[in-house]
Amino acid sequence: MIEAAPQPFFLFGLADPFSLMAMLMQLLS
């Protein structure tokens, strides 16, 4: 389960660069 979670998450980030950037900003905050 834990291994399967990051895969779709990463794919989503690649498909939506804006989403990935938003996540990075949240992590930095």
PDB file of N, CA and C in Angstrom:
ATOM      1  N   MET A   1       0.842  -1.206   0.000  1.00  0.00           N
ATOM      2  CA  MET A   1       0.000   0.000   0.000  1.00  0.00           C
ATOM      3  C   MET A   1       0.879   1.259   0.000  1.00  0.00           C
ATOM      4  N   ILE A   2       1.825   1.290   0.946  1.00  0.00           N
ATOM      5  CA  ILE A   2       2.700   2.459   1.052  1.00  0.00           C
ATOM      6  C   ILE A   2       3.521   2.639  -0.220  1.00  0.00           C
ATOM      7  N   GLU A   3       3.926   1.515  -0.822  1.00  0.00           N
ATOM      8  CA  GLU A   3       4.746   1.597  -2.043  1.00  0.00           C
ATOM      9  C   GLU A   3       3.901   2.024  -3.245  1.00  0.00           C
ATOM     10  N   ALA A   4       2.627   1.646  -3.238  1.00  0.00           N
ATOM     11  CA  ALA A   4       1.746   1.973  -4.358  1.00  0.00           C
ATOM     12  C   ALA A   4       1.290   3.431  -4.286  1.00  0.00           C
ATOM     13  N   ALA A   5       1.280   3.997  -3.104  1.00  0.00           N
ATOM     14  CA  ALA A   5       0.807   5.372  -2.945  1.00  0.00           C
ATOM     15  C   ALA A   5       1.699   6.391  -3.654  1.00  0.00           C
ATOM     16  N   PRO A   6       3.017   6.352  -3.432  1.00  0.00           N
ATOM     17  CA  PRO A   6       3.904   7.344  -4.055  1.00  0.00           C
ATOM     18  C   PRO A   6       3.880   7.308  -5.584  1.00  0.00           C
ATOM     19  N   GLN A   7       3.631   6.141  -6.172  1.00  0.00           N
ATOM     20  CA  GLN A   7       3.646   6.041  -7.639  1.00  0.00           C
ATOM     21  C   GLN A   7       2.604   6.944  -8.291  1.00  0.00           C
ATOM     22  N   PRO A   8       1.302   6.768  -7.984  1.00  0.00           N
ATOM     23  CA  PRO A   8       0.276   7.626  -8.583  1.00  0.00           C
ATOM     24  C   PRO A   8       0.462   9.092  -8.188  1.00  0.00           C
ATOM     25  N   PHE A   9       0.951   9.299  -6.975  1.00  0.00           N
ATOM     26  CA  PHE A   9       1.172  10.665  -6.494  1.00  0.00           C
ATOM     27  C   PHE A   9       2.213  11.366  -7.361  1.00  0.00           C
ATOM     28  N   PHE A  10       3.306  10.646  -7.636  1.00  0.00           N
ATOM     29  CA  PHE A  10       4.378  11.203  -8.456  1.00  0.00           C
ATOM     30  C   PHE A  10       3.878  11.470  -9.873  1.00  0.00           C
ATOM     31  N   LEU A  11       3.090  10.523 -10.401  1.00  0.00           N
ATOM     32  CA  LEU A  11       2.563  10.672 -11.760  1.00  0.00           C
ATOM     33  C   LEU A  11       1.664  11.895 -11.829  1.00  0.00           C
ATOM     34  N   PHE A  12       0.881  12.098 -10.777  1.00  0.00           N
ATOM     35  CA  PHE A  12      -0.018  13.253 -10.733  1.00  0.00           C
ATOM     36  C   PHE A  12       0.793  14.550 -10.751  1.00  0.00           C
ATOM     37  N   GLY A  13       1.890  14.545  -9.999  1.00  0.00           N
ATOM     38  CA  GLY A  13       2.755  15.726  -9.948  1.00  0.00           C
ATOM     39  C   GLY A  13       3.351  16.024 -11.314  1.00  0.00           C
ATOM     40  N   LEU A  14       3.763  14.967 -12.013  1.00  0.00           N
ATOM     41  CA  LEU A  14       4.365  15.146 -13.335  1.00  0.00           C
ATOM     42  C   LEU A  14       3.326  15.668 -14.323  1.00  0.00           C
ATOM     43  N   ALA A  15       2.093  15.181 -14.174  1.00  0.00           N
ATOM     44  CA  ALA A  15       1.021  15.599 -15.069  1.00  0.00           C
ATOM     45  C   ALA A  15       0.623  17.041 -14.763  1.00  0.00           C
ATOM     46  N   ASP A  16       0.741  17.420 -13.490  1.00  0.00           N
ATOM     47  CA  ASP A  16       0.362  18.779 -13.082  1.00  0.00           C
ATOM     48  C   ASP A  16       1.543  19.466 -12.394  1.00  0.00           C
ATOM     49  N   PRO A  17       2.403  20.119 -13.169  1.00  0.00           N
ATOM     50  CA  PRO A  17       3.583  20.789 -12.605  1.00  0.00           C
ATOM     51  C   PRO A  17       3.190  21.812 -11.545  1.00  0.00           C
ATOM     52  N   PHE A  18       2.046  22.469 -11.758  1.00  0.00           N
ATOM     53  CA  PHE A  18       1.598  23.472 -10.792  1.00  0.00           C
ATOM     54  C   PHE A  18       1.327  22.837  -9.437  1.00  0.00           C
ATOM     55  N   SER A  19       0.717  21.634  -9.478  1.00  0.00           N
ATOM     56  CA  SER A  19       0.409  20.908  -8.239  1.00  0.00           C
ATOM     57  C   SER A  19       1.710  20.565  -7.509  1.00  0.00           C
ATOM     58  N   LEU A  20       2.693  20.117  -8.283  1.00  0.00           N
ATOM     59  CA  LEU A  20       3.973  19.742  -7.691  1.00  0.00           C
ATOM     60  C   LEU A  20       4.625  20.963  -7.044  1.00  0.00           C
ATOM     61  N   MET A  21       4.579  22.086  -7.728  1.00  0.00           N
ATOM     62  CA  MET A  21       5.172  23.309  -7.197  1.00  0.00           C
ATOM     63  C   MET A  21       4.464  23.736  -5.916  1.00  0.00           C
ATOM     64  N   ALA A  22       3.140  23.624  -5.915  1.00  0.00           N
ATOM     65  CA  ALA A  22       2.353  23.988  -4.736  1.00  0.00           C
ATOM     66  C   ALA A  22       2.732  23.106  -3.555  1.00  0.00           C
ATOM     67  N   MET A  23       2.942  21.815  -3.831  1.00  0.00           N
ATOM     68  CA  MET A  23       3.301  20.886  -2.766  1.00  0.00           C
ATOM     69  C   MET A  23       4.684  21.253  -2.203  1.00  0.00           C
ATOM     70  N   LEU A  24       5.611  21.568  -3.096  1.00  0.00           N
ATOM     71  CA  LEU A  24       6.958  21.935  -2.654  1.00  0.00           C
ATOM     72  C   LEU A  24       6.903  23.182  -1.764  1.00  0.00           C
ATOM     73  N   MET A  25       6.078  24.136  -2.148  1.00  0.00           N
ATOM     74  CA  MET A  25       5.941  25.361  -1.365  1.00  0.00           C
ATOM     75  C   MET A  25       5.380  25.039   0.019  1.00  0.00           C
ATOM     76  N   GLN A  26       4.396  24.125   0.045  1.00  0.00           N
ATOM     77  CA  GLN A  26       3.790  23.743   1.316  1.00  0.00           C
ATOM     78  C   GLN A  26       4.830  23.073   2.210  1.00  0.00           C
ATOM     79  N   LEU A  27       5.657  22.210   1.614  1.00  0.00           N
ATOM     80  CA  LEU A  27       6.685  21.507   2.382  1.00  0.00           C
ATOM     81  C   LEU A  27       7.702  22.502   2.933  1.00  0.00           C
ATOM     82  N   LEU A  28       8.013  23.537   2.143  1.00  0.00           N
ATOM     83  CA  LEU A  28       8.987  24.536   2.569  1.00  0.00           C
ATOM     84  C   LEU A  28       8.403  25.419   3.672  1.00  0.00           C
ATOM     85  N   SER A  29       7.112  25.696   3.579  1.00  0.00           N
ATOM     86  CA  SER A  29       6.449  26.552   4.573  1.00  0.00           C
ATOM     87  C   SER A  29       6.579  25.981   5.971  1.00  0.00           C
TER      88      SER A  29
END
